[in-house]
Amino acid sequence: MRPDMRYVRPDTLDEALEFLSRRAEDTRMVAGGTDVLIGIRSGVPGAGYLLDITRLPELREITERGGELFIGAGVTVSEILSSTAVGRFAPALQKAASAFGSRQIRNMATIGGNICRASPAGDTLPPLYALDAEVELESRNASRRIPLREFIVGPGQTALEAGEILRGVWLKGAPDFRIHRFEKVGNRKALAVSIVSLAALLHVSDSGVIERVRLAWGSVAPTVVRSLGVESFLTGKPLSSGTLEKAVPLVRRAVSPIDDIRASAAYRRAVAGNLLFRLMVT
């Protein structure tokens, strides 16, 4: 931490919100710190205060309420991976958690940090988009819930307002989906930043027809891509290689990847379409 940065660790969410109400413009929040602290050490412009919300009990809950699952922003990726409730509500999110960095990183990184980092390569984001997740935001005087797709507005950019803390994320149950997938392609088999990822939820009839489908791609655009056009095309058709082959061009038109150090835009576009065929693997 920079010598001119002051460290603050509140004991409750109310204390944290009170502090932010006075010093939001000069404060950075940290939970697991797997991104924030690296940025500080690398010389990324910081702030006068580092607000540590790691241990706030209000952000550490995983609870079921009224048919929904609430995952607090301070819940770690390891805790998501071991949660039976997450396993029932969101198997694809658990699969993404298993592909998330090393065990040491999973023990520190939080779902709130991954959301607020707003990287299109964030592993937890495609499953959350496919699940139509909503985020709960709280300030000293108000609380609001908005869809995750509206909260993340660009790479590293969110709709978090001054004085607000991301309290957590809400998931609705998806019992009709029989197939829950998370697929990730990186430059190596483990500990890789995503080149392309795909979260998929499908309900397939006993006769093999796709009755409901949600698909979300990561690392192929400034934000995660949900293509209603691709989903509409697949609905009512058999889950077969022939059907998926016809959908591939639609996927490649729906994404807008870039060239970077990990892969070319053309490669990402090709992989985004080809990942559909992973849905056939049992």
C-alpha atoms as a PDB file:
ATOM      1  CA  MET A   1       0.000   0.000   0.000  1.00  0.00           C
ATOM      2  CA  ARG A   2       1.235   3.504  -0.789  1.00  0.00           C
ATOM      3  CA  PRO A   3       2.552   5.411   2.236  1.00  0.00           C
ATOM      4  CA  ASP A   4       0.080   8.244   1.602  1.00  0.00           C
ATOM      5  CA  MET A   5      -2.958   5.916   1.606  1.00  0.00           C
ATOM      6  CA  ARG A   6      -4.836   5.422   4.858  1.00  0.00           C
ATOM      7  CA  TYR A   7      -6.288   2.016   5.732  1.00  0.00           C
ATOM      8  CA  VAL A   8      -9.798   1.823   7.228  1.00  0.00           C
ATOM      9  CA  ARG A   9     -11.522  -1.385   8.373  1.00  0.00           C
ATOM     10  CA  PRO A  10     -15.099  -0.954   9.642  1.00  0.00           C
ATOM     11  CA  ASP A  11     -16.790  -3.630  11.735  1.00  0.00           C
ATOM     12  CA  THR A  12     -20.269  -3.298  10.258  1.00  0.00           C
ATOM     13  CA  LEU A  13     -21.877  -2.369   6.960  1.00  0.00           C
ATOM     14  CA  ASP A  14     -23.453   0.689   8.586  1.00  0.00           C
ATOM     15  CA  GLU A  15     -19.995   1.936   9.590  1.00  0.00           C
ATOM     16  CA  ALA A  16     -18.693   1.393   6.064  1.00  0.00           C
ATOM     17  CA  LEU A  17     -21.637   3.255   4.514  1.00  0.00           C
ATOM     18  CA  GLU A  18     -21.250   6.121   6.976  1.00  0.00           C
ATOM     19  CA  PHE A  19     -17.583   6.452   6.019  1.00  0.00           C
ATOM     20  CA  LEU A  20     -18.401   6.375   2.305  1.00  0.00           C
ATOM     21  CA  SER A  21     -21.093   9.011   2.727  1.00  0.00           C
ATOM     22  CA  ARG A  22     -18.328  11.413   3.767  1.00  0.00           C
ATOM     23  CA  ARG A  23     -15.316  10.281   1.719  1.00  0.00           C
ATOM     24  CA  ALA A  24     -16.606   8.322  -1.285  1.00  0.00           C
ATOM     25  CA  GLU A  25     -14.680  10.383  -3.838  1.00  0.00           C
ATOM     26  CA  ASP A  26     -11.340   9.643  -2.164  1.00  0.00           C
ATOM     27  CA  THR A  27     -11.863   5.974  -1.244  1.00  0.00           C
ATOM     28  CA  ARG A  28     -11.202   2.612  -2.875  1.00  0.00           C
ATOM     29  CA  MET A  29     -12.863  -0.492  -1.492  1.00  0.00           C
ATOM     30  CA  VAL A  30     -11.095  -3.801  -1.114  1.00  0.00           C
ATOM     31  CA  ALA A  31     -12.430  -7.246  -0.255  1.00  0.00           C
ATOM     32  CA  GLY A  32     -10.162 -10.117  -1.301  1.00  0.00           C
ATOM     33  CA  GLY A  33      -7.712  -7.649  -2.830  1.00  0.00           C
ATOM     34  CA  THR A  34      -6.583  -9.962  -5.626  1.00  0.00           C
ATOM     35  CA  ASP A  35      -7.028  -7.146  -8.179  1.00  0.00           C
ATOM     36  CA  VAL A  36      -6.979  -3.917  -6.165  1.00  0.00           C
ATOM     37  CA  LEU A  37      -3.724  -4.508  -4.325  1.00  0.00           C
ATOM     38  CA  ILE A  38      -1.930  -5.605  -7.482  1.00  0.00           C
ATOM     39  CA  GLY A  39      -3.057  -2.401  -9.144  1.00  0.00           C
ATOM     40  CA  ILE A  40      -1.848  -0.272  -6.255  1.00  0.00           C
ATOM     41  CA  ARG A  41       1.543  -1.949  -6.257  1.00  0.00           C
ATOM     42  CA  SER A  42       1.781  -1.434 -10.015  1.00  0.00           C
ATOM     43  CA  GLY A  43       1.273   2.284  -9.669  1.00  0.00           C
ATOM     44  CA  VAL A  44      -2.348   2.534 -10.775  1.00  0.00           C
ATOM     45  CA  PRO A  45      -3.710   5.874  -9.513  1.00  0.00           C
ATOM     46  CA  GLY A  46      -5.314   5.250  -6.175  1.00  0.00           C
ATOM     47  CA  ALA A  47      -7.131   7.235  -3.508  1.00  0.00           C
ATOM     48  CA  GLY A  48      -6.523   8.626  -0.070  1.00  0.00           C
ATOM     49  CA  TYR A  49      -8.314   5.807   1.744  1.00  0.00           C
ATOM     50  CA  LEU A  50      -8.441   2.051   1.344  1.00  0.00           C
ATOM     51  CA  LEU A  51     -11.718   0.782   2.839  1.00  0.00           C
ATOM     52  CA  ASP A  52     -11.430  -2.889   3.785  1.00  0.00           C
ATOM     53  CA  ILE A  53     -14.889  -4.536   3.663  1.00  0.00           C
ATOM     54  CA  THR A  54     -13.540  -8.086   3.774  1.00  0.00           C
ATOM     55  CA  ARG A  55     -14.950  -9.060   7.164  1.00  0.00           C
ATOM     56  CA  LEU A  56     -18.320  -7.335   7.117  1.00  0.00           C
ATOM     57  CA  PRO A  57     -20.778 -10.028   8.228  1.00  0.00           C
ATOM     58  CA  GLU A  58     -23.596  -8.571   6.114  1.00  0.00           C
ATOM     59  CA  LEU A  59     -21.570  -9.328   2.959  1.00  0.00           C
ATOM     60  CA  ARG A  60     -20.665 -12.911   3.874  1.00  0.00           C
ATOM     61  CA  GLU A  61     -24.100 -14.544   3.689  1.00  0.00           C
ATOM     62  CA  ILE A  62     -25.421 -17.199   1.341  1.00  0.00           C
ATOM     63  CA  THR A  63     -29.137 -17.420   2.083  1.00  0.00           C
ATOM     64  CA  GLU A  64     -32.362 -18.562   0.419  1.00  0.00           C
ATOM     65  CA  ARG A  65     -35.238 -16.076   0.615  1.00  0.00           C
ATOM     66  CA  GLY A  66     -38.595 -16.322  -1.118  1.00  0.00           C
ATOM     67  CA  GLY A  67     -37.442 -18.690  -3.840  1.00  0.00           C
ATOM     68  CA  GLU A  68     -34.270 -16.693  -4.545  1.00  0.00           C
ATOM     69  CA  LEU A  69     -30.656 -17.175  -3.538  1.00  0.00           C
ATOM     70  CA  PHE A  70     -28.678 -14.266  -2.122  1.00  0.00           C
ATOM     71  CA  ILE A  71     -24.870 -14.416  -2.334  1.00  0.00           C
ATOM     72  CA  GLY A  72     -23.163 -11.655  -0.394  1.00  0.00           C
ATOM     73  CA  ALA A  73     -20.517  -9.616  -2.173  1.00  0.00           C
ATOM     74  CA  GLY A  74     -17.873 -10.754   0.325  1.00  0.00           C
ATOM     75  CA  VAL A  75     -18.427 -14.471  -0.299  1.00  0.00           C
ATOM     76  CA  THR A  76     -15.262 -16.034  -1.682  1.00  0.00           C
ATOM     77  CA  VAL A  77     -15.033 -18.148  -4.796  1.00  0.00           C
ATOM     78  CA  SER A  78     -14.055 -21.124  -2.600  1.00  0.00           C
ATOM     79  CA  GLU A  79     -17.217 -20.638  -0.538  1.00  0.00           C
ATOM     80  CA  ILE A  80     -19.294 -20.601  -3.713  1.00  0.00           C
ATOM     81  CA  LEU A  81     -17.606 -23.808  -4.787  1.00  0.00           C
ATOM     82  CA  SER A  82     -18.447 -25.583  -1.512  1.00  0.00           C
ATOM     83  CA  SER A  83     -21.995 -24.242  -1.057  1.00  0.00           C
ATOM     84  CA  THR A  84     -24.800 -26.789  -1.385  1.00  0.00           C
ATOM     85  CA  ALA A  85     -27.290 -23.945  -1.918  1.00  0.00           C
ATOM     86  CA  VAL A  86     -25.298 -22.585  -4.862  1.00  0.00           C
ATOM     87  CA  GLY A  87     -25.095 -26.135  -6.201  1.00  0.00           C
ATOM     88  CA  ARG A  88     -28.899 -26.348  -6.231  1.00  0.00           C
ATOM     89  CA  PHE A  89     -29.577 -22.886  -7.676  1.00  0.00           C
ATOM     90  CA  ALA A  90     -26.600 -22.364  -9.959  1.00  0.00           C
ATOM     91  CA  PRO A  91     -24.499 -25.407 -10.935  1.00  0.00           C
ATOM     92  CA  ALA A  92     -22.947 -23.412 -13.800  1.00  0.00           C
ATOM     93  CA  LEU A  93     -21.690 -20.822 -11.324  1.00  0.00           C
ATOM     94  CA  GLN A  94     -20.005 -23.571  -9.303  1.00  0.00           C
ATOM     95  CA  LYS A  95     -18.396 -24.901 -12.463  1.00  0.00           C
ATOM     96  CA  ALA A  96     -17.069 -21.414 -13.194  1.00  0.00           C
ATOM     97  CA  ALA A  97     -15.747 -21.228  -9.625  1.00  0.00           C
ATOM     98  CA  SER A  98     -13.823 -24.457 -10.157  1.00  0.00           C
ATOM     99  CA  ALA A  99     -12.056 -22.875 -13.159  1.00  0.00           C
ATOM    100  CA  PHE A 100     -11.252 -19.677 -11.257  1.00  0.00           C
ATOM    101  CA  GLY A 101      -7.510 -19.247 -10.695  1.00  0.00           C
ATOM    102  CA  SER A 102      -5.571 -21.229  -8.102  1.00  0.00           C
ATOM    103  CA  ARG A 103      -6.850 -22.489  -4.765  1.00  0.00           C
ATOM    104  CA  GLN A 104      -5.090 -19.590  -3.047  1.00  0.00           C
ATOM    105  CA  ILE A 105      -6.807 -17.059  -5.301  1.00  0.00           C
ATOM    106  CA  ARG A 106     -10.196 -18.753  -4.849  1.00  0.00           C
ATOM    107  CA  ASN A 107      -9.755 -18.500  -1.077  1.00  0.00           C
ATOM    108  CA  MET A 108      -9.287 -14.718  -1.326  1.00  0.00           C
ATOM    109  CA  ALA A 109     -11.234 -13.516  -4.366  1.00  0.00           C
ATOM    110  CA  THR A 110     -14.875 -12.560  -3.823  1.00  0.00           C
ATOM    111  CA  ILE A 111     -17.855 -12.636  -6.122  1.00  0.00           C
ATOM    112  CA  GLY A 112     -18.409  -8.944  -5.445  1.00  0.00           C
ATOM    113  CA  GLY A 113     -14.884  -8.151  -6.506  1.00  0.00           C
ATOM    114  CA  ASN A 114     -15.272 -10.152  -9.712  1.00  0.00           C
ATOM    115  CA  ILE A 115     -18.500  -8.291 -10.488  1.00  0.00           C
ATOM    116  CA  CYS A 116     -17.143  -4.814  -9.700  1.00  0.00           C
ATOM    117  CA  ARG A 117     -13.929  -5.509 -11.607  1.00  0.00           C
ATOM    118  CA  ALA A 118     -16.287  -5.698 -14.605  1.00  0.00           C
ATOM    119  CA  SER A 119     -13.816  -7.531 -16.804  1.00  0.00           C
ATOM    120  CA  PRO A 120     -15.415  -9.346 -19.755  1.00  0.00           C
ATOM    121  CA  ALA A 121     -13.031 -12.198 -18.893  1.00  0.00           C
ATOM    122  CA  GLY A 122     -14.389 -12.556 -15.331  1.00  0.00           C
ATOM    123  CA  ASP A 123     -15.209 -16.222 -14.853  1.00  0.00           C
ATOM    124  CA  THR A 124     -18.290 -15.745 -12.665  1.00  0.00           C
ATOM    125  CA  LEU A 125     -19.957 -13.272 -15.011  1.00  0.00           C
ATOM    126  CA  PRO A 126     -21.280 -15.475 -17.872  1.00  0.00           C
ATOM    127  CA  PRO A 127     -23.146 -17.814 -15.460  1.00  0.00           C
ATOM    128  CA  LEU A 128     -24.590 -14.805 -13.641  1.00  0.00           C
ATOM    129  CA  TYR A 129     -25.774 -13.282 -16.930  1.00  0.00           C
ATOM    130  CA  ALA A 130     -27.324 -16.603 -17.987  1.00  0.00           C
ATOM    131  CA  LEU A 131     -29.117 -16.759 -14.620  1.00  0.00           C
ATOM    132  CA  ASP A 132     -30.532 -13.235 -15.075  1.00  0.00           C
ATOM    133  CA  ALA A 133     -28.825 -12.179 -11.858  1.00  0.00           C
ATOM    134  CA  GLU A 134     -29.633  -8.940 -10.093  1.00  0.00           C
ATOM    135  CA  VAL A 135     -27.293  -6.980  -7.854  1.00  0.00           C
ATOM    136  CA  GLU A 136     -28.269  -5.279  -4.606  1.00  0.00           C
ATOM    137  CA  LEU A 137     -26.648  -1.894  -4.006  1.00  0.00           C
ATOM    138  CA  GLU A 138     -26.790  -0.081  -0.698  1.00  0.00           C
ATOM    139  CA  SER A 139     -25.940   3.415   0.457  1.00  0.00           C
ATOM    140  CA  ARG A 140     -26.477   5.054   3.821  1.00  0.00           C
ATOM    141  CA  ASN A 141     -29.997   6.186   2.898  1.00  0.00           C
ATOM    142  CA  ALA A 142     -31.206   3.807   0.203  1.00  0.00           C
ATOM    143  CA  SER A 143     -31.080   0.333  -1.293  1.00  0.00           C
ATOM    144  CA  ARG A 144     -31.775  -0.720  -4.867  1.00  0.00           C
ATOM    145  CA  ARG A 145     -31.729  -3.834  -7.040  1.00  0.00           C
ATOM    146  CA  ILE A 146     -30.897  -3.751 -10.743  1.00  0.00           C
ATOM    147  CA  PRO A 147     -30.103  -6.436 -13.340  1.00  0.00           C
ATOM    148  CA  LEU A 148     -26.430  -7.297 -13.546  1.00  0.00           C
ATOM    149  CA  ARG A 149     -26.491  -6.581 -17.287  1.00  0.00           C
ATOM    150  CA  GLU A 150     -27.395  -2.962 -16.447  1.00  0.00           C
ATOM    151  CA  PHE A 151     -24.865  -2.693 -13.621  1.00  0.00           C
ATOM    152  CA  ILE A 152     -21.847  -3.553 -15.790  1.00  0.00           C
ATOM    153  CA  VAL A 153     -21.660  -0.869 -18.452  1.00  0.00           C
ATOM    154  CA  GLY A 154     -18.211  -1.505 -19.931  1.00  0.00           C
ATOM    155  CA  PRO A 155     -14.750  -2.945 -19.204  1.00  0.00           C
ATOM    156  CA  GLY A 156     -13.951  -1.883 -15.648  1.00  0.00           C
ATOM    157  CA  GLN A 157     -17.053   0.321 -15.552  1.00  0.00           C
ATOM    158  CA  THR A 158     -20.171  -0.137 -13.424  1.00  0.00           C
ATOM    159  CA  ALA A 159     -23.250   1.800 -12.391  1.00  0.00           C
ATOM    160  CA  LEU A 160     -22.092   1.897  -8.756  1.00  0.00           C
ATOM    161  CA  GLU A 161     -22.799   5.394  -7.486  1.00  0.00           C
ATOM    162  CA  ALA A 162     -20.782   7.420  -4.996  1.00  0.00           C
ATOM    163  CA  GLY A 163     -21.468   6.200  -1.471  1.00  0.00           C
ATOM    164  CA  GLU A 164     -22.796   2.806  -2.580  1.00  0.00           C
ATOM    165  CA  ILE A 165     -21.539  -0.672  -1.753  1.00  0.00           C
ATOM    166  CA  LEU A 166     -22.428  -3.805  -3.682  1.00  0.00           C
ATOM    167  CA  ARG A 167     -24.160  -5.815  -0.985  1.00  0.00           C
ATOM    168  CA  GLY A 168     -24.606  -8.964  -3.048  1.00  0.00           C
ATOM    169  CA  VAL A 169     -26.204 -10.735  -5.976  1.00  0.00           C
ATOM    170  CA  TRP A 170     -29.651 -12.348  -6.261  1.00  0.00           C
ATOM    171  CA  LEU A 171     -30.376 -15.480  -8.286  1.00  0.00           C
ATOM    172  CA  LYS A 172     -33.751 -16.962  -9.123  1.00  0.00           C
ATOM    173  CA  GLY A 173     -34.146 -20.706  -9.128  1.00  0.00           C
ATOM    174  CA  ALA A 174     -33.895 -22.376 -12.541  1.00  0.00           C
ATOM    175  CA  PRO A 175     -35.297 -25.867 -11.915  1.00  0.00           C
ATOM    176  CA  ASP A 176     -36.453 -26.413 -15.511  1.00  0.00           C
ATOM    177  CA  PHE A 177     -32.934 -26.395 -16.884  1.00  0.00           C
ATOM    178  CA  ARG A 178     -31.492 -29.883 -17.096  1.00  0.00           C
ATOM    179  CA  ILE A 179     -28.139 -28.879 -18.584  1.00  0.00           C
ATOM    180  CA  HIS A 180     -25.924 -26.409 -16.721  1.00  0.00           C
ATOM    181  CA  ARG A 181     -22.589 -25.763 -18.423  1.00  0.00           C
ATOM    182  CA  PHE A 182     -19.577 -23.527 -18.106  1.00  0.00           C
ATOM    183  CA  GLU A 183     -16.887 -23.893 -20.743  1.00  0.00           C
ATOM    184  CA  LYS A 184     -13.644 -21.955 -20.811  1.00  0.00           C
ATOM    185  CA  VAL A 185     -10.785 -21.781 -23.299  1.00  0.00           C
ATOM    186  CA  GLY A 186      -7.434 -20.354 -22.189  1.00  0.00           C
ATOM    187  CA  ASN A 187      -3.801 -20.443 -23.230  1.00  0.00           C
ATOM    188  CA  ARG A 188      -3.180 -23.359 -20.880  1.00  0.00           C
ATOM    189  CA  LYS A 189      -5.199 -26.008 -19.098  1.00  0.00           C
ATOM    190  CA  ALA A 190      -5.194 -24.371 -15.667  1.00  0.00           C
ATOM    191  CA  LEU A 191      -4.732 -20.960 -14.015  1.00  0.00           C
ATOM    192  CA  ALA A 192      -5.522 -19.235 -17.311  1.00  0.00           C
ATOM    193  CA  VAL A 193      -7.307 -15.973 -18.023  1.00  0.00           C
ATOM    194  CA  SER A 194     -10.235 -16.712 -20.303  1.00  0.00           C
ATOM    195  CA  ILE A 195      -9.809 -16.294 -24.055  1.00  0.00           C
ATOM    196  CA  VAL A 196     -13.462 -17.234 -24.554  1.00  0.00           C
ATOM    197  CA  SER A 197     -15.976 -18.662 -22.098  1.00  0.00           C
ATOM    198  CA  LEU A 198     -19.560 -19.844 -22.392  1.00  0.00           C
ATOM    199  CA  ALA A 199     -22.233 -20.396 -19.772  1.00  0.00           C
ATOM    200  CA  ALA A 200     -25.240 -22.370 -20.957  1.00  0.00           C
ATOM    201  CA  LEU A 201     -28.559 -23.370 -19.394  1.00  0.00           C
ATOM    202  CA  LEU A 202     -30.797 -25.687 -21.397  1.00  0.00           C
ATOM    203  CA  HIS A 203     -34.039 -27.532 -20.868  1.00  0.00           C
ATOM    204  CA  VAL A 204     -34.192 -30.403 -23.335  1.00  0.00           C
ATOM    205  CA  SER A 205     -37.294 -32.561 -23.663  1.00  0.00           C
ATOM    206  CA  ASP A 206     -37.228 -36.331 -23.394  1.00  0.00           C
ATOM    207  CA  SER A 207     -37.368 -36.435 -27.191  1.00  0.00           C
ATOM    208  CA  GLY A 208     -34.235 -34.262 -27.445  1.00  0.00           C
ATOM    209  CA  VAL A 209     -35.827 -30.923 -28.372  1.00  0.00           C
ATOM    210  CA  ILE A 210     -34.452 -27.702 -26.880  1.00  0.00           C
ATOM    211  CA  GLU A 211     -37.403 -26.120 -25.069  1.00  0.00           C
ATOM    212  CA  ARG A 212     -35.584 -23.354 -23.195  1.00  0.00           C
ATOM    213  CA  VAL A 213     -32.039 -22.044 -23.525  1.00  0.00           C
ATOM    214  CA  ARG A 214     -29.886 -19.248 -22.154  1.00  0.00           C
ATOM    215  CA  LEU A 215     -26.365 -18.613 -23.424  1.00  0.00           C
ATOM    216  CA  ALA A 216     -23.780 -16.078 -22.273  1.00  0.00           C
ATOM    217  CA  TRP A 217     -20.268 -15.599 -23.686  1.00  0.00           C
ATOM    218  CA  GLY A 218     -17.329 -13.964 -21.924  1.00  0.00           C
ATOM    219  CA  SER A 219     -14.193 -12.327 -23.416  1.00  0.00           C
ATOM    220  CA  VAL A 220     -15.850 -11.689 -26.774  1.00  0.00           C
ATOM    221  CA  ALA A 221     -17.055  -8.087 -26.360  1.00  0.00           C
ATOM    222  CA  PRO A 222     -16.729  -5.148 -23.955  1.00  0.00           C
ATOM    223  CA  THR A 223     -19.280  -6.874 -21.708  1.00  0.00           C
ATOM    224  CA  VAL A 224     -20.677 -10.407 -21.490  1.00  0.00           C
ATOM    225  CA  VAL A 225     -22.844 -11.261 -24.510  1.00  0.00           C
ATOM    226  CA  ARG A 226     -26.334 -12.732 -24.242  1.00  0.00           C
ATOM    227  CA  SER A 227     -27.702 -13.319 -27.744  1.00  0.00           C
ATOM    228  CA  LEU A 228     -31.478 -13.578 -27.763  1.00  0.00           C
ATOM    229  CA  GLY A 229     -31.267 -14.230 -31.491  1.00  0.00           C
ATOM    230  CA  VAL A 230     -29.182 -17.362 -31.017  1.00  0.00           C
ATOM    231  CA  GLU A 231     -31.397 -18.507 -28.148  1.00  0.00           C
ATOM    232  CA  SER A 232     -34.530 -17.984 -30.254  1.00  0.00           C
ATOM    233  CA  PHE A 233     -33.022 -19.901 -33.177  1.00  0.00           C
ATOM    234  CA  LEU A 234     -32.199 -22.909 -31.002  1.00  0.00           C
ATOM    235  CA  THR A 235     -35.553 -23.035 -29.208  1.00  0.00           C
ATOM    236  CA  GLY A 236     -37.815 -25.731 -30.601  1.00  0.00           C
ATOM    237  CA  LYS A 237     -35.021 -27.512 -32.464  1.00  0.00           C
ATOM    238  CA  PRO A 238     -33.318 -30.812 -31.602  1.00  0.00           C
ATOM    239  CA  LEU A 239     -30.079 -30.657 -29.648  1.00  0.00           C
ATOM    240  CA  SER A 240     -27.921 -32.070 -32.411  1.00  0.00           C
ATOM    241  CA  SER A 241     -24.678 -31.304 -34.173  1.00  0.00           C
ATOM    242  CA  GLY A 242     -26.675 -30.251 -37.222  1.00  0.00           C
ATOM    243  CA  THR A 243     -28.676 -27.699 -35.249  1.00  0.00           C
ATOM    244  CA  LEU A 244     -25.598 -26.325 -33.522  1.00  0.00           C
ATOM    245  CA  GLU A 245     -23.709 -26.094 -36.802  1.00  0.00           C
ATOM    246  CA  LYS A 246     -26.469 -23.865 -38.206  1.00  0.00           C
ATOM    247  CA  ALA A 247     -26.279 -21.670 -35.072  1.00  0.00           C
ATOM    248  CA  VAL A 248     -22.518 -21.112 -35.283  1.00  0.00           C
ATOM    249  CA  PRO A 249     -22.689 -18.273 -37.876  1.00  0.00           C
ATOM    250  CA  LEU A 250     -25.269 -16.503 -35.697  1.00  0.00           C
ATOM    251  CA  VAL A 251     -22.928 -16.675 -32.720  1.00  0.00           C
ATOM    252  CA  ARG A 252     -20.005 -15.320 -34.708  1.00  0.00           C
ATOM    253  CA  ARG A 253     -22.103 -12.364 -35.832  1.00  0.00           C
ATOM    254  CA  ALA A 254     -23.350 -11.704 -32.283  1.00  0.00           C
ATOM    255  CA  VAL A 255     -19.892 -11.302 -30.717  1.00  0.00           C
ATOM    256  CA  SER A 256     -17.459  -8.428 -31.197  1.00  0.00           C
ATOM    257  CA  PRO A 257     -14.052  -9.534 -29.873  1.00  0.00           C
ATOM    258  CA  ILE A 258     -10.740  -7.692 -30.031  1.00  0.00           C
ATOM    259  CA  ASP A 259      -7.123  -8.610 -30.676  1.00  0.00           C
ATOM    260  CA  ASP A 260      -5.012  -8.679 -27.526  1.00  0.00           C
ATOM    261  CA  ILE A 261      -1.982 -10.416 -26.070  1.00  0.00           C
ATOM    262  CA  ARG A 262      -3.931 -13.640 -25.444  1.00  0.00           C
ATOM    263  CA  ALA A 263      -5.666 -14.149 -28.795  1.00  0.00           C
ATOM    264  CA  SER A 264      -6.783 -12.552 -32.034  1.00  0.00           C
ATOM    265  CA  ALA A 265     -10.324 -11.382 -32.636  1.00  0.00           C
ATOM    266  CA  ALA A 266     -10.694 -13.935 -35.441  1.00  0.00           C
ATOM    267  CA  TYR A 267      -9.681 -16.783 -33.138  1.00  0.00           C
ATOM    268  CA  ARG A 268     -12.086 -15.651 -30.428  1.00  0.00           C
ATOM    269  CA  ARG A 269     -14.915 -15.406 -32.951  1.00  0.00           C
ATOM    270  CA  ALA A 270     -14.241 -18.926 -34.191  1.00  0.00           C
ATOM    271  CA  VAL A 271     -14.002 -20.383 -30.681  1.00  0.00           C
ATOM    272  CA  ALA A 272     -17.198 -18.636 -29.538  1.00  0.00           C
ATOM    273  CA  GLY A 273     -19.139 -20.529 -32.187  1.00  0.00           C
ATOM    274  CA  ASN A 274     -17.317 -23.803 -31.731  1.00  0.00           C
ATOM    275  CA  LEU A 275     -18.027 -23.871 -27.981  1.00  0.00           C
ATOM    276  CA  LEU A 276     -21.644 -24.636 -28.826  1.00  0.00           C
ATOM    277  CA  PHE A 277     -20.610 -28.182 -29.696  1.00  0.00           C
ATOM    278  CA  ARG A 278     -19.534 -28.728 -26.074  1.00  0.00           C
ATOM    279  CA  LEU A 279     -23.248 -28.807 -25.279  1.00  0.00           C
ATOM    280  CA  MET A 280     -23.358 -32.254 -26.889  1.00  0.00           C
ATOM    281  CA  VAL A 281     -20.796 -33.704 -24.480  1.00  0.00           C
ATOM    282  CA  THR A 282     -22.388 -35.738 -21.690  1.00  0.00           C
END
